[in-house]
PDB file of N, CA and C in Angstrom:
ATOM      1  N   UNK A   1     -33.815  -2.835  -8.326  1.00  0.00           N
ATOM      2  CA  UNK A   1     -32.700  -2.847  -7.911  1.00  0.00           C
ATOM      3  C   UNK A   1     -32.270  -1.565  -8.095  1.00  0.00           C
ATOM      4  N   UNK A   2     -31.300  -0.680  -7.736  1.00  0.00           N
ATOM      5  CA  UNK A   2     -30.842   0.286  -8.380  1.00  0.00           C
ATOM      6  C   UNK A   2     -28.992   0.455  -7.950  1.00  0.00           C
ATOM      7  N   UNK A   3     -28.607  -0.519  -8.852  1.00  0.00           N
ATOM      8  CA  UNK A   3     -26.723  -0.418  -9.340  1.00  0.00           C
ATOM      9  C   UNK A   3     -25.907   0.966  -9.175  1.00  0.00           C
ATOM     10  N   UNK A   4     -25.979   1.252  -8.538  1.00  0.00           N
ATOM     11  CA  UNK A   4     -25.013   2.715  -8.845  1.00  0.00           C
ATOM     12  C   UNK A   4     -23.349   2.011  -8.682  1.00  0.00           C
ATOM     13  N   UNK A   5     -22.907   3.254 -10.100  1.00  0.00           N
ATOM     14  CA  UNK A   5     -21.379   2.330 -10.437  1.00  0.00           C
ATOM     15  C   UNK A   5     -20.640   3.003  -9.092  1.00  0.00           C
ATOM     16  N   UNK A   6     -21.022   4.491  -8.901  1.00  0.00           N
ATOM     17  CA  UNK A   6     -19.862   5.035  -8.197  1.00  0.00           C
ATOM     18  C   UNK A   6     -19.724   3.833  -6.245  1.00  0.00           C
ATOM     19  N   UNK A   7     -20.695   3.930  -6.074  1.00  0.00           N
ATOM     20  CA  UNK A   7     -20.393   2.411  -5.165  1.00  0.00           C
ATOM     21  C   UNK A   7     -19.578   1.207  -5.643  1.00  0.00           C
ATOM     22  N   UNK A   8     -19.774   0.802  -6.136  1.00  0.00           N
ATOM     23  CA  UNK A   8     -18.784  -0.598  -7.098  1.00  0.00           C
ATOM     24  C   UNK A   8     -17.042   0.031  -7.131  1.00  0.00           C
ATOM     25  N   UNK A   9     -17.043   1.360  -7.268  1.00  0.00           N
ATOM     26  CA  UNK A   9     -15.792   1.876  -7.203  1.00  0.00           C
ATOM     27  C   UNK A   9     -15.307   2.390  -6.286  1.00  0.00           C
ATOM     28  N   UNK A  10     -15.558   2.200  -5.558  1.00  0.00           N
ATOM     29  CA  UNK A  10     -15.403   2.687  -4.135  1.00  0.00           C
ATOM     30  C   UNK A  10     -14.703   1.381  -3.514  1.00  0.00           C
ATOM     31  N   UNK A  11     -16.052   0.083  -3.793  1.00  0.00           N
ATOM     32  CA  UNK A  11     -15.404  -1.050  -2.986  1.00  0.00           C
ATOM     33  C   UNK A  11     -14.045  -1.363  -3.927  1.00  0.00           C
ATOM     34  N   UNK A  12     -13.934  -1.261  -5.023  1.00  0.00           N
ATOM     35  CA  UNK A  12     -13.108  -2.415  -5.271  1.00  0.00           C
ATOM     36  C   UNK A  12     -11.768  -2.181  -4.540  1.00  0.00           C
ATOM     37  N   UNK A  13     -11.598  -1.111  -4.139  1.00  0.00           N
ATOM     38  CA  UNK A  13      -9.762  -2.070  -3.736  1.00  0.00           C
ATOM     39  C   UNK A  13      -9.944  -2.305  -2.235  1.00  0.00           C
ATOM     40  N   UNK A  14     -11.426  -2.369  -1.317  1.00  0.00           N
ATOM     41  CA  UNK A  14     -11.629  -3.266  -0.631  1.00  0.00           C
ATOM     42  C   UNK A  14     -11.242  -4.864  -0.781  1.00  0.00           C
ATOM     43  N   UNK A  15     -12.167  -4.995  -1.902  1.00  0.00           N
ATOM     44  CA  UNK A  15     -12.454  -6.180  -2.420  1.00  0.00           C
ATOM     45  C   UNK A  15     -11.044  -6.573  -3.139  1.00  0.00           C
ATOM     46  N   UNK A  16      -9.976  -6.069  -3.666  1.00  0.00           N
ATOM     47  CA  UNK A  16      -8.426  -6.701  -4.054  1.00  0.00           C
ATOM     48  C   UNK A  16      -7.857  -6.512  -2.460  1.00  0.00           C
ATOM     49  N   UNK A  17      -7.923  -5.584  -1.634  1.00  0.00           N
ATOM     50  CA  UNK A  17      -6.924  -5.799  -0.657  1.00  0.00           C
ATOM     51  C   UNK A  17      -7.609  -7.123  -0.199  1.00  0.00           C
ATOM     52  N   UNK A  18      -9.206  -7.427   0.325  1.00  0.00           N
ATOM     53  CA  UNK A  18      -9.479  -8.506   1.057  1.00  0.00           C
ATOM     54  C   UNK A  18      -9.156  -9.960  -0.046  1.00  0.00           C
ATOM     55  N   UNK A  19      -8.837  -9.729  -1.271  1.00  0.00           N
ATOM     56  CA  UNK A  19      -8.037 -11.254  -2.140  1.00  0.00           C
ATOM     57  C   UNK A  19      -6.758 -11.452  -1.714  1.00  0.00           C
ATOM     58  N   UNK A  20      -6.119 -10.329  -1.798  1.00  0.00           N
ATOM     59  CA  UNK A  20      -5.016 -10.528  -1.354  1.00  0.00           C
ATOM     60  C   UNK A  20      -4.735 -11.477   0.437  1.00  0.00           C
ATOM     61  N   UNK A  21      -5.340 -10.769   0.873  1.00  0.00           N
ATOM     62  CA  UNK A  21      -5.481 -11.030   2.404  1.00  0.00           C
ATOM     63  C   UNK A  21      -5.349 -12.648   2.287  1.00  0.00           C
ATOM     64  N   UNK A  22      -6.939 -12.859   2.024  1.00  0.00           N
ATOM     65  CA  UNK A  22      -7.451 -13.954   1.561  1.00  0.00           C
ATOM     66  C   UNK A  22      -6.545 -15.284   1.657  1.00  0.00           C
ATOM     67  N   UNK A  23      -5.702 -14.876   0.112  1.00  0.00           N
ATOM     68  CA  UNK A  23      -4.432 -15.756  -0.234  1.00  0.00           C
ATOM     69  C   UNK A  23      -3.416 -15.661   0.743  1.00  0.00           C
ATOM     70  N   UNK A  24      -2.878 -14.533   1.476  1.00  0.00           N
ATOM     71  CA  UNK A  24      -1.923 -15.101   2.346  1.00  0.00           C
ATOM     72  C   UNK A  24      -2.567 -15.968   3.730  1.00  0.00           C
ATOM     73  N   UNK A  25      -3.701 -15.736   4.096  1.00  0.00           N
ATOM     74  CA  UNK A  25      -4.024 -16.840   5.171  1.00  0.00           C
ATOM     75  C   UNK A  25      -3.986 -17.875   4.882  1.00  0.00           C
ATOM     76  N   UNK A  26      -4.233 -18.550   3.571  1.00  0.00           N
ATOM     77  CA  UNK A  26      -4.282 -19.790   2.706  1.00  0.00           C
ATOM     78  C   UNK A  26      -2.864 -20.542   2.941  1.00  0.00           C
ATOM     79  N   UNK A  27      -1.568 -19.369   1.915  1.00  0.00           N
ATOM     80  CA  UNK A  27      -0.633 -19.639   2.286  1.00  0.00           C
ATOM     81  C   UNK A  27       0.068 -20.027   3.663  1.00  0.00           C
ATOM     82  N   UNK A  28      -0.301 -19.136   4.569  1.00  0.00           N
ATOM     83  CA  UNK A  28       0.043 -19.639   5.702  1.00  0.00           C
ATOM     84  C   UNK A  28      -0.059 -20.642   5.851  1.00  0.00           C
ATOM     85  N   UNK A  29      -1.944 -21.004   6.403  1.00  0.00           N
ATOM     86  CA  UNK A  29      -2.458 -21.996   6.815  1.00  0.00           C
ATOM     87  C   UNK A  29      -1.573 -23.705   6.280  1.00  0.00           C
ATOM     88  N   UNK A  30      -2.144 -23.335   5.488  1.00  0.00           N
ATOM     89  CA  UNK A  30      -1.080 -25.075   4.345  1.00  0.00           C
ATOM     90  C   UNK A  30      -0.101 -25.180   4.738  1.00  0.00           C
ATOM     91  N   UNK A  31       0.842 -23.533   4.618  1.00  0.00           N
ATOM     92  CA  UNK A  31       2.182 -24.120   4.619  1.00  0.00           C
ATOM     93  C   UNK A  31       2.332 -25.021   5.869  1.00  0.00           C
ATOM     94  N   UNK A  32       2.149 -24.296   7.377  1.00  0.00           N
ATOM     95  CA  UNK A  32       1.896 -24.645   8.435  1.00  0.00           C
ATOM     96  C   UNK A  32       1.037 -26.071   8.593  1.00  0.00           C
ATOM     97  N   UNK A  33       0.346 -26.019   7.868  1.00  0.00           N
ATOM     98  CA  UNK A  33      -0.729 -27.857   8.185  1.00  0.00           C
ATOM     99  C   UNK A  33       0.278 -28.804   7.953  1.00  0.00           C
ATOM    100  N   UNK A  34       1.133 -28.269   6.410  1.00  0.00           N
ATOM    101  CA  UNK A  34       1.833 -29.436   5.956  1.00  0.00           C
ATOM    102  C   UNK A  34       3.389 -29.655   6.368  1.00  0.00           C
ATOM    103  N   UNK A  35       3.854 -28.622   7.466  1.00  0.00           N
ATOM    104  CA  UNK A  35       5.012 -28.927   7.924  1.00  0.00           C
ATOM    105  C   UNK A  35       4.531 -29.974   9.041  1.00  0.00           C
ATOM    106  N   UNK A  36       3.225 -30.135   9.500  1.00  0.00           N
ATOM    107  CA  UNK A  36       3.012 -30.353  10.622  1.00  0.00           C
ATOM    108  C   UNK A  36       3.027 -32.150  10.520  1.00  0.00           C
ATOM    109  N   UNK A  37       2.246 -32.194   8.682  1.00  0.00           N
ATOM    110  CA  UNK A  37       1.979 -33.432   8.305  1.00  0.00           C
ATOM    111  C   UNK A  37       3.067 -34.005   8.405  1.00  0.00           C
ATOM    112  N   UNK A  38       4.268 -33.175   7.372  1.00  0.00           N
ATOM    113  CA  UNK A  38       5.446 -33.659   7.181  1.00  0.00           C
ATOM    114  C   UNK A  38       6.115 -33.920   8.318  1.00  0.00           C
ATOM    115  N   UNK A  39       6.672 -33.432   9.294  1.00  0.00           N
ATOM    116  CA  UNK A  39       7.317 -33.854  10.811  1.00  0.00           C
ATOM    117  C   UNK A  39       6.811 -35.262  11.093  1.00  0.00           C
ATOM    118  N   UNK A  40       4.903 -35.404  11.013  1.00  0.00           N
ATOM    119  CA  UNK A  40       4.378 -36.339  12.042  1.00  0.00           C
ATOM    120  C   UNK A  40       4.617 -37.560  10.785  1.00  0.00           C
ATOM    121  N   UNK A  41       4.737 -37.291   9.454  1.00  0.00           N
ATOM    122  CA  UNK A  41       4.928 -38.420   9.176  1.00  0.00           C
ATOM    123  C   UNK A  41       6.209 -38.903   8.609  1.00  0.00           C
ATOM    124  N   UNK A  42       7.273 -38.091   9.080  1.00  0.00           N
ATOM    125  CA  UNK A  42       8.960 -37.831   8.253  1.00  0.00           C
ATOM    126  C   UNK A  42       9.223 -39.019  10.041  1.00  0.00           C
ATOM    127  N   UNK A  43       8.492 -38.698  11.142  1.00  0.00           N
ATOM    128  CA  UNK A  43       8.708 -39.695  12.460  1.00  0.00           C
ATOM    129  C   UNK A  43       8.600 -41.025  12.073  1.00  0.00           C
ATOM    130  N   UNK A  44       6.671 -41.104  12.034  1.00  0.00           N
ATOM    131  CA  UNK A  44       6.283 -42.556  11.965  1.00  0.00           C
ATOM    132  C   UNK A  44       6.481 -43.632  11.436  1.00  0.00           C
ATOM    133  N   UNK A  45       7.431 -42.825   9.591  1.00  0.00           N
ATOM    134  CA  UNK A  45       7.966 -43.757   8.535  1.00  0.00           C
ATOM    135  C   UNK A  45       9.038 -43.649   8.843  1.00  0.00           C
ATOM    136  N   UNK A  46       9.954 -43.086   9.606  1.00  0.00           N
ATOM    137  CA  UNK A  46      11.215 -43.722  10.193  1.00  0.00           C
ATOM    138  C   UNK A  46      12.105 -42.679   8.906  1.00  0.00           C
ATOM    139  N   UNK A  47      11.778 -41.448   8.095  1.00  0.00           N
ATOM    140  CA  UNK A  47      12.438 -40.882   7.249  1.00  0.00           C
ATOM    141  C   UNK A  47      12.967 -39.827   8.017  1.00  0.00           C
ATOM    142  N   UNK A  48      14.443 -39.515   7.552  1.00  0.00           N
ATOM    143  CA  UNK A  48      15.171 -38.255   7.801  1.00  0.00           C
ATOM    144  C   UNK A  48      14.181 -37.365   7.269  1.00  0.00           C
ATOM    145  N   UNK A  49      14.379 -36.353   7.614  1.00  0.00           N
ATOM    146  CA  UNK A  49      13.758 -34.968   6.972  1.00  0.00           C
ATOM    147  C   UNK A  49      13.621 -34.410   5.559  1.00  0.00           C
ATOM    148  N   UNK A  50      12.254 -35.834   5.192  1.00  0.00           N
ATOM    149  CA  UNK A  50      12.294 -35.732   3.939  1.00  0.00           C
ATOM    150  C   UNK A  50      10.902 -35.070   3.411  1.00  0.00           C
ATOM    151  N   UNK A  51      10.049 -35.662   4.131  1.00  0.00           N
ATOM    152  CA  UNK A  51       8.670 -35.015   3.565  1.00  0.00           C
ATOM    153  C   UNK A  51       7.632 -34.029   4.683  1.00  0.00           C
ATOM    154  N   UNK A  52       9.187 -33.453   5.652  1.00  0.00           N
ATOM    155  CA  UNK A  52       8.783 -31.460   5.976  1.00  0.00           C
ATOM    156  C   UNK A  52       9.550 -31.079   5.099  1.00  0.00           C
ATOM    157  N   UNK A  53      10.004 -31.585   4.135  1.00  0.00           N
ATOM    158  CA  UNK A  53      10.703 -30.521   3.113  1.00  0.00           C
ATOM    159  C   UNK A  53      10.324 -30.462   1.713  1.00  0.00           C
ATOM    160  N   UNK A  54       9.600 -31.772   1.343  1.00  0.00           N
ATOM    161  CA  UNK A  54       8.737 -31.981  -0.370  1.00  0.00           C
ATOM    162  C   UNK A  54       7.565 -31.506  -0.166  1.00  0.00           C
ATOM    163  N   UNK A  55       6.584 -31.257   0.957  1.00  0.00           N
ATOM    164  CA  UNK A  55       5.524 -31.669   0.386  1.00  0.00           C
ATOM    165  C   UNK A  55       5.536 -29.646   0.755  1.00  0.00           C
ATOM    166  N   UNK A  56       5.921 -28.700   1.502  1.00  0.00           N
ATOM    167  CA  UNK A  56       5.108 -27.210   1.943  1.00  0.00           C
ATOM    168  C   UNK A  56       6.050 -27.191   0.478  1.00  0.00           C
ATOM    169  N   UNK A  57       6.784 -27.795  -0.384  1.00  0.00           N
ATOM    170  CA  UNK A  57       7.757 -26.946  -1.509  1.00  0.00           C
ATOM    171  C   UNK A  57       6.581 -27.266  -2.209  1.00  0.00           C
ATOM    172  N   UNK A  58       6.454 -28.367  -2.401  1.00  0.00           N
ATOM    173  CA  UNK A  58       5.235 -28.566  -3.482  1.00  0.00           C
ATOM    174  C   UNK A  58       3.924 -27.877  -3.235  1.00  0.00           C
ATOM    175  N   UNK A  59       3.525 -27.824  -2.303  1.00  0.00           N
ATOM    176  CA  UNK A  59       2.402 -26.416  -1.800  1.00  0.00           C
ATOM    177  C   UNK A  59       2.390 -25.510  -2.555  1.00  0.00           C
ATOM    178  N   UNK A  60       3.916 -24.497  -2.694  1.00  0.00           N
ATOM    179  CA  UNK A  60       4.507 -23.566  -3.374  1.00  0.00           C
ATOM    180  C   UNK A  60       4.271 -23.625  -4.348  1.00  0.00           C
ATOM    181  N   UNK A  61       4.596 -24.857  -4.996  1.00  0.00           N
ATOM    182  CA  UNK A  61       4.827 -24.545  -6.492  1.00  0.00           C
ATOM    183  C   UNK A  61       3.687 -24.603  -6.807  1.00  0.00           C
ATOM    184  N   UNK A  62       2.717 -25.311  -6.366  1.00  0.00           N
ATOM    185  CA  UNK A  62       1.406 -25.430  -7.335  1.00  0.00           C
ATOM    186  C   UNK A  62       0.577 -24.345  -6.807  1.00  0.00           C
ATOM    187  N   UNK A  63       0.723 -23.737  -5.575  1.00  0.00           N
ATOM    188  CA  UNK A  63       0.134 -22.494  -5.590  1.00  0.00           C
ATOM    189  C   UNK A  63       0.459 -21.222  -6.345  1.00  0.00           C
ATOM    190  N   UNK A  64       1.874 -21.209  -6.577  1.00  0.00           N
ATOM    191  CA  UNK A  64       1.866 -20.807  -7.969  1.00  0.00           C
ATOM    192  C   UNK A  64       1.721 -20.869  -9.002  1.00  0.00           C
ATOM    193  N   UNK A  65       2.061 -22.322  -9.172  1.00  0.00           N
ATOM    194  CA  UNK A  65       1.211 -22.157 -10.523  1.00  0.00           C
ATOM    195  C   UNK A  65      -0.309 -22.021 -11.182  1.00  0.00           C
ATOM    196  N   UNK A  66      -0.863 -22.554  -9.695  1.00  0.00           N
ATOM    197  CA  UNK A  66      -2.718 -21.927  -9.855  1.00  0.00           C
ATOM    198  C   UNK A  66      -2.103 -19.712  -9.919  1.00  0.00           C
ATOM    199  N   UNK A  67      -1.950 -19.274  -9.041  1.00  0.00           N
ATOM    200  CA  UNK A  67      -1.749 -18.141  -9.277  1.00  0.00           C
ATOM    201  C   UNK A  67      -1.617 -17.411 -10.363  1.00  0.00           C
ATOM    202  N   UNK A  68      -0.410 -17.985 -11.070  1.00  0.00           N
ATOM    203  CA  UNK A  68      -0.239 -17.284 -12.606  1.00  0.00           C
ATOM    204  C   UNK A  68      -1.022 -17.819 -13.364  1.00  0.00           C
ATOM    205  N   UNK A  69      -1.682 -18.859 -13.583  1.00  0.00           N
ATOM    206  CA  UNK A  69      -2.567 -19.563 -14.564  1.00  0.00           C
ATOM    207  C   UNK A  69      -4.334 -18.654 -14.575  1.00  0.00           C
ATOM    208  N   UNK A  70      -4.266 -18.323 -13.460  1.00  0.00           N
ATOM    209  CA  UNK A  70      -5.700 -17.574 -12.685  1.00  0.00           C
ATOM    210  C   UNK A  70      -5.217 -16.243 -13.317  1.00  0.00           C
ATOM    211  N   UNK A  71      -4.186 -15.651 -13.390  1.00  0.00           N
ATOM    212  CA  UNK A  71      -3.646 -14.147 -13.251  1.00  0.00           C
ATOM    213  C   UNK A  71      -3.699 -13.404 -15.006  1.00  0.00           C
ATOM    214  N   UNK A  72      -3.529 -14.840 -16.010  1.00  0.00           N
ATOM    215  CA  UNK A  72      -3.867 -14.673 -17.150  1.00  0.00           C
ATOM    216  C   UNK A  72      -4.734 -14.724 -18.162  1.00  0.00           C
TER     217      UNK A  72
END
């Protein structure tokens, strides 16, 4: 195998961009899913808008916690 360091340096910006795009997609998909689950859960258990607020905020909090922990 021939590992050329110049090729690895050229691909690095694309890899960083792809990581951020993947993270953004996960955030949007997770928030939409939890909003849907919260809405259905509130309707099923008769809560006023409680789960529709708690679930997305918990998701954002734990996602930011995970990102901060991974980048240290």
